[in-house]
Protein backbone atom coordinates (compact mmCIF):
# COMPACT_ATOMS: atom_id res chain seq x y z
CA UNK A 1 0.00 0.00 0.00
CA UNK A 2 1.57 3.30 -1.03
CA UNK A 3 0.67 6.52 0.78
CA UNK A 4 2.12 9.87 -0.32
CA UNK A 5 1.35 13.02 1.68
CA UNK A 6 0.85 16.14 -0.43
CA UNK A 7 0.39 18.89 2.17
CA UNK A 8 1.10 18.55 5.92
CA UNK A 9 -1.64 19.38 8.40
CA UNK A 10 -2.13 18.42 12.04
CA UNK A 11 -5.16 16.18 12.46
CA UNK A 12 -7.38 14.76 15.14
CA UNK A 13 -9.65 11.78 14.21
CA UNK A 14 -13.30 10.86 14.80
CA UNK A 15 -16.14 8.65 13.51
CA UNK A 16 -19.93 9.21 14.01
CA UNK A 17 -23.72 8.56 13.48
CA UNK A 18 -26.04 10.13 10.95
CA UNK A 19 -28.35 9.41 8.07
CA UNK A 20 -26.52 11.89 5.81
CA UNK A 21 -22.94 12.99 6.44
CA UNK A 22 -22.07 16.70 6.21
CA UNK A 23 -20.32 17.66 2.96
CA UNK A 24 -17.13 18.33 4.92
CA UNK A 25 -16.96 14.64 5.95
CA UNK A 26 -16.81 12.12 3.10
CA UNK A 27 -17.41 8.35 3.12
CA UNK A 28 -16.80 5.72 0.41
CA UNK A 29 -20.49 5.17 -0.36
CA UNK A 30 -23.97 5.89 0.87
CA UNK A 31 -26.21 3.18 2.32
CA UNK A 32 -26.02 0.79 5.23
CA UNK A 33 -23.52 -2.02 5.74
CA UNK A 34 -20.41 -2.25 3.55
CA UNK A 35 -18.20 -5.33 3.32
CA UNK A 36 -14.66 -4.75 4.60
CA UNK A 37 -12.48 -7.75 3.80
CA UNK A 38 -8.82 -8.58 4.16
CA UNK A 39 -6.42 -6.27 2.31
CA UNK A 40 -9.14 -3.65 1.70
CA UNK A 41 -9.55 -0.14 3.08
CA UNK A 42 -12.52 1.97 4.13
CA UNK A 43 -11.43 5.59 3.96
CA UNK A 44 -13.04 8.63 5.55
CA UNK A 45 -11.69 12.11 4.84
CA UNK A 46 -12.74 15.33 6.52
CA UNK A 47 -12.25 19.05 6.05
CA UNK A 48 -13.23 19.71 9.69
CA UNK A 49 -11.64 18.31 12.88
CA UNK A 50 -13.23 15.00 13.89
CA UNK A 51 -12.62 12.05 16.21
CA UNK A 52 -12.98 8.54 14.73
CA UNK A 53 -13.84 5.53 16.89
CA UNK A 54 -14.95 1.95 16.29
CA UNK A 55 -17.16 -0.35 18.34
CA UNK A 56 -16.59 -3.03 19.45
CA UNK A 57 -12.84 -2.95 19.85
CA UNK A 58 -10.67 -5.39 17.93
CA UNK A 59 -12.60 -5.73 14.67
CA UNK A 60 -10.86 -2.91 12.78
CA UNK A 61 -7.77 -0.75 12.99
CA UNK A 62 -7.91 2.98 12.36
CA UNK A 63 -4.89 4.97 11.20
CA UNK A 64 -4.71 8.71 10.61
CA UNK A 65 -2.96 10.43 7.73
CA UNK A 66 -2.46 14.08 6.86
CA UNK A 67 -4.29 15.12 3.71
CA UNK A 68 -4.42 15.77 0.88
CA UNK A 69 -2.94 12.33 0.27
CA UNK A 70 -2.78 9.78 -2.56
CA UNK A 71 -3.34 6.16 -1.54
CA UNK A 72 -2.92 3.03 -3.65
CA UNK A 73 -4.64 -0.20 -2.69
CA UNK A 74 -7.97 -2.03 -2.75
CA UNK A 75 -10.90 0.01 -1.44
CA UNK A 76 -14.07 -1.32 0.20
CA UNK A 77 -16.27 0.21 -2.50
CA UNK A 78 -13.99 -0.79 -5.39
CA UNK A 79 -13.24 -3.93 -7.37
CA UNK A 80 -9.50 -3.75 -8.03
CA UNK A 81 -6.24 -2.24 -6.86
CA UNK A 82 -6.27 1.46 -7.72
CA UNK A 83 -4.94 4.86 -6.69
CA UNK A 84 -7.18 7.53 -5.18
CA UNK A 85 -6.54 11.05 -3.95
CA UNK A 86 -8.27 12.22 -0.78
CA UNK A 87 -8.42 15.99 -0.39
CA UNK A 88 -9.53 16.31 3.24
CA UNK A 89 -7.24 17.75 5.89
CA UNK A 90 -7.78 14.57 7.92
CA UNK A 91 -7.83 11.11 6.32
CA UNK A 92 -8.75 7.98 8.29
CA UNK A 93 -7.89 4.53 6.92
CA UNK A 94 -9.94 1.72 8.42
CA UNK A 95 -8.82 -1.89 7.87
CA UNK A 96 -10.17 -5.26 8.99
CA UNK A 97 -8.54 -7.04 11.93
CA UNK A 98 -11.35 -9.36 13.04
CA UNK A 99 -14.70 -10.82 11.98
CA UNK A 100 -18.10 -9.30 12.74
CA UNK A 101 -20.22 -6.15 12.51
CA UNK A 102 -18.35 -2.97 13.44
CA UNK A 103 -19.85 0.46 13.94
CA UNK A 104 -17.75 3.43 12.92
CA UNK A 105 -18.42 6.65 14.88
CA UNK A 106 -17.34 10.02 13.48
CA UNK A 107 -17.60 12.79 16.08
CA UNK A 108 -16.97 16.37 14.90
CA UNK A 109 -14.99 18.51 17.34
CA UNK A 110 -17.40 20.58 19.40
CA UNK A 111 -20.32 18.18 18.93
CA UNK A 112 -22.96 18.83 21.58
CA UNK A 113 -25.78 16.46 20.66
CA UNK A 114 -26.26 12.88 19.50
CA UNK A 115 -27.44 13.97 16.05
CA UNK A 116 -23.97 15.47 15.43
CA UNK A 117 -22.44 12.00 15.49
CA UNK A 118 -22.26 10.08 12.20
CA UNK A 119 -22.48 6.27 12.28
CA UNK A 120 -21.58 3.75 9.61
CA UNK A 121 -21.79 -0.05 9.84
CA UNK A 122 -19.12 -2.32 8.35
CA UNK A 123 -19.41 -6.06 7.76
CA UNK A 124 -15.85 -6.96 8.69
CA UNK A 125 -14.04 -10.15 7.68
CA UNK A 126 -10.26 -10.12 7.96
CA UNK A 127 -10.08 -13.79 7.02
CA UNK A 128 -9.06 -14.71 10.56
CA UNK A 129 -11.31 -15.76 13.41
CA UNK A 130 -11.48 -13.13 16.14
CA UNK A 131 -9.03 -13.61 18.97
CA UNK A 132 -10.09 -13.15 22.59
CA UNK A 133 -9.01 -9.76 23.93
CA UNK A 134 -5.97 -9.75 26.19
CA UNK A 135 -6.53 -9.42 29.91
CA UNK A 136 -6.65 -5.74 30.89
CA UNK A 137 -3.51 -4.50 32.63
CA UNK A 138 -3.69 -4.89 36.39
CA UNK A 139 -2.66 -2.03 38.69
CA UNK A 140 0.66 -2.62 40.43
CA UNK A 141 0.43 -3.59 44.09
CA UNK A 142 2.75 -0.75 45.14
CA UNK A 143 0.84 1.94 43.24
CA UNK A 144 -0.09 4.79 45.59
CA UNK A 145 -3.74 4.81 44.50
CA UNK A 146 -3.94 1.05 44.99
CA UNK A 147 -2.42 1.38 48.47
CA UNK A 148 -4.93 4.08 49.39
CA UNK A 149 -7.87 2.05 48.13
CA UNK A 150 -6.74 -1.05 50.00
CA UNK A 151 -6.37 0.94 53.22
CA UNK A 152 -9.83 2.44 52.73
CA UNK A 153 -11.26 -1.00 51.95
CA UNK A 154 -10.15 -2.30 55.35
CA UNK A 155 -12.13 0.48 57.03
CA UNK A 156 -15.38 -0.22 55.22
CA UNK A 157 -18.26 -1.96 56.94
CA UNK A 158 -18.67 -5.61 55.96
CA UNK A 159 -22.29 -4.92 55.03
CA UNK A 160 -21.18 -2.22 52.58
CA UNK A 161 -18.58 -4.27 50.75
CA UNK A 162 -21.16 -6.02 48.58
CA UNK A 163 -21.65 -2.70 46.79
CA UNK A 164 -18.10 -2.70 45.43
CA UNK A 165 -18.88 -4.49 42.09
CA UNK A 166 -21.72 -2.06 41.40
CA UNK A 167 -19.48 0.93 42.07
CA UNK A 168 -16.81 -0.42 39.75
CA UNK A 169 -19.47 -0.94 37.05
CA UNK A 170 -20.67 2.64 37.56
CA UNK A 171 -17.21 4.02 36.83
CA UNK A 172 -17.03 1.81 33.72
CA UNK A 173 -20.28 3.45 32.59
CA UNK A 174 -18.84 6.87 33.42
CA UNK A 175 -15.91 6.17 31.09
CA UNK A 176 -18.38 5.33 28.32
CA UNK A 177 -20.44 8.48 29.02
CA UNK A 178 -17.27 10.55 28.73
CA UNK A 179 -16.55 9.06 25.31
CA UNK A 180 -20.02 9.02 23.74
CA UNK A 181 -22.64 11.13 25.57
CA UNK A 182 -22.81 14.32 23.50
CA UNK A 183 -25.47 15.83 25.78
CA UNK A 184 -22.71 16.35 28.36
CA UNK A 185 -21.11 19.64 27.36
CA UNK A 186 -18.93 20.43 30.37
CA UNK A 187 -16.77 18.33 32.67
CA UNK A 188 -19.10 19.39 35.50
CA UNK A 189 -22.05 17.86 33.61
CA UNK A 190 -20.26 14.52 33.57
CA UNK A 191 -19.25 14.80 37.23
CA UNK A 192 -22.83 15.66 38.23
CA UNK A 193 -24.19 12.66 36.32
CA UNK A 194 -21.71 10.32 37.99
CA UNK A 195 -22.51 11.80 41.41
CA UNK A 196 -26.26 11.38 40.89
CA UNK A 197 -25.86 7.74 39.82
CA UNK A 198 -23.54 7.04 42.75
CA UNK A 199 -26.15 8.37 45.20
CA UNK A 200 -28.73 6.05 43.65
CA UNK A 201 -26.35 3.11 44.02
CA UNK A 202 -25.26 4.07 47.54
CA UNK A 203 -28.30 5.89 48.98
CA UNK A 204 -27.09 5.54 52.57
CA UNK A 205 -23.55 6.73 51.92
CA UNK A 206 -22.08 3.25 51.79
CA UNK A 207 -18.32 2.84 51.12
CA UNK A 208 -17.48 6.35 52.44
CA UNK A 209 -13.76 5.64 52.72
CA UNK A 210 -13.53 4.38 49.15
CA UNK A 211 -15.49 7.41 47.96
CA UNK A 212 -13.10 9.75 49.79
CA UNK A 213 -10.07 8.21 48.06
CA UNK A 214 -11.74 8.31 44.63
CA UNK A 215 -12.94 11.90 45.12
CA UNK A 216 -9.43 13.02 46.08
CA UNK A 217 -8.01 11.28 43.02
CA UNK A 218 -10.52 12.87 40.63
CA UNK A 219 -9.99 16.31 42.16
CA UNK A 220 -6.31 16.04 41.25
CA UNK A 221 -6.69 14.55 37.76
CA UNK A 222 -9.86 15.88 36.11
CA UNK A 223 -10.16 19.43 34.73
CA UNK A 224 -11.68 21.47 37.55
CA UNK A 225 -11.64 25.01 36.15
CA UNK A 226 -15.03 26.70 36.17
CA UNK A 227 -16.82 25.97 32.90
CA UNK A 228 -14.23 23.45 31.66
CA UNK A 229 -15.58 22.18 28.34
CA UNK A 230 -15.89 18.46 27.68
CA UNK A 231 -13.98 18.65 24.40
CA UNK A 232 -12.27 15.71 22.73
CA UNK A 233 -9.13 16.06 24.86
CA UNK A 234 -11.05 16.20 28.13
CA UNK A 235 -13.36 13.37 27.04
CA UNK A 236 -10.36 11.09 26.53
CA UNK A 237 -8.81 12.23 29.81
CA UNK A 238 -12.01 11.63 31.79
CA UNK A 239 -12.74 8.26 30.17
CA UNK A 240 -9.20 7.04 30.86
CA UNK A 241 -9.41 8.12 34.48
CA UNK A 242 -12.77 6.46 35.12
CA UNK A 243 -11.59 3.26 33.42
CA UNK A 244 -8.49 3.29 35.62
CA UNK A 245 -10.51 3.69 38.83
CA UNK A 246 -12.92 0.95 37.77
CA UNK A 247 -10.01 -1.42 37.19
CA UNK A 248 -8.60 -0.68 40.64
CA UNK A 249 -11.97 -1.23 42.31
CA UNK A 250 -12.39 -4.53 40.46
CA UNK A 251 -9.08 -5.71 41.92
CA UNK A 252 -10.22 -5.25 45.53
CA UNK A 253 -11.27 -8.53 47.24
C-alpha cells in the first residue's frame, strides 16, 4: 500500500452517526452495511476536525494520515487495486482485523448532541477468526492509589462491601459516558451525572472511605476550572481516568 502526503496538516480523528454525512466529511459510499475484507480499506476524509472511533474494539484498525494524500490499494467500494486522492485535511484509513459487525463513529470537534455523530456499519471479515481480547492491565500492588484504596477497603463496613462491584461498574459506565454522551457539554455535567448515579447506588452513603479516596483522586486529575468544556481532549482524559478507577476497584477482594 503506497501513501504519499501532499500537504502537511495536524489532524485529530473521529467517527460518528447520521443518516446523511455533512459535505465536509466524506465516506466511500452511501447506504447501510459495507463489506470490509482482508487487504481492503474503508477511507473517511474530513475538512473539519473530527474524532474517529470503532465499536466493538478489535474488529478494525484505524490509522490517521495528513491530507491531501494519494493512496494506492484495494478500497471497500472498489473492485480492483487502484490509486485515489483524498483531499480532506484529515484522512482515516480503516482496515479489517477481526470478523463481525463494526460500527464506525465520526464525532466532529465541538459536537454537543447525539445527532452530530455520524455512524456507519461495516461487515468486517479479515479472514481470521477473532481472537479473545488480552486481559486488561492490572494495577501494580505498590501503586499509591492502589495502596490508598486497600487501606480504605479495610475500614469499610462488611455490610457495605457487597456494593463494590456495582461501584466499579458505575465508573465503567462513566468512562463510556465521557466518550459518547454528546449531551454532556462540560466536565461538570459529567461529574454531576456520575454523582447522581452514585447516590442512587449508595443511597445511605455506603463505602465512604472508598469514595473519599476516589474523590481526592478525581480532584487532582480531572479538569476542575469553572466551565471546563468536555472537548475531545477532556473526554479522553475523563474516560481514561474512570476506566483506571474501575479497574482498581475490580481488583479489591
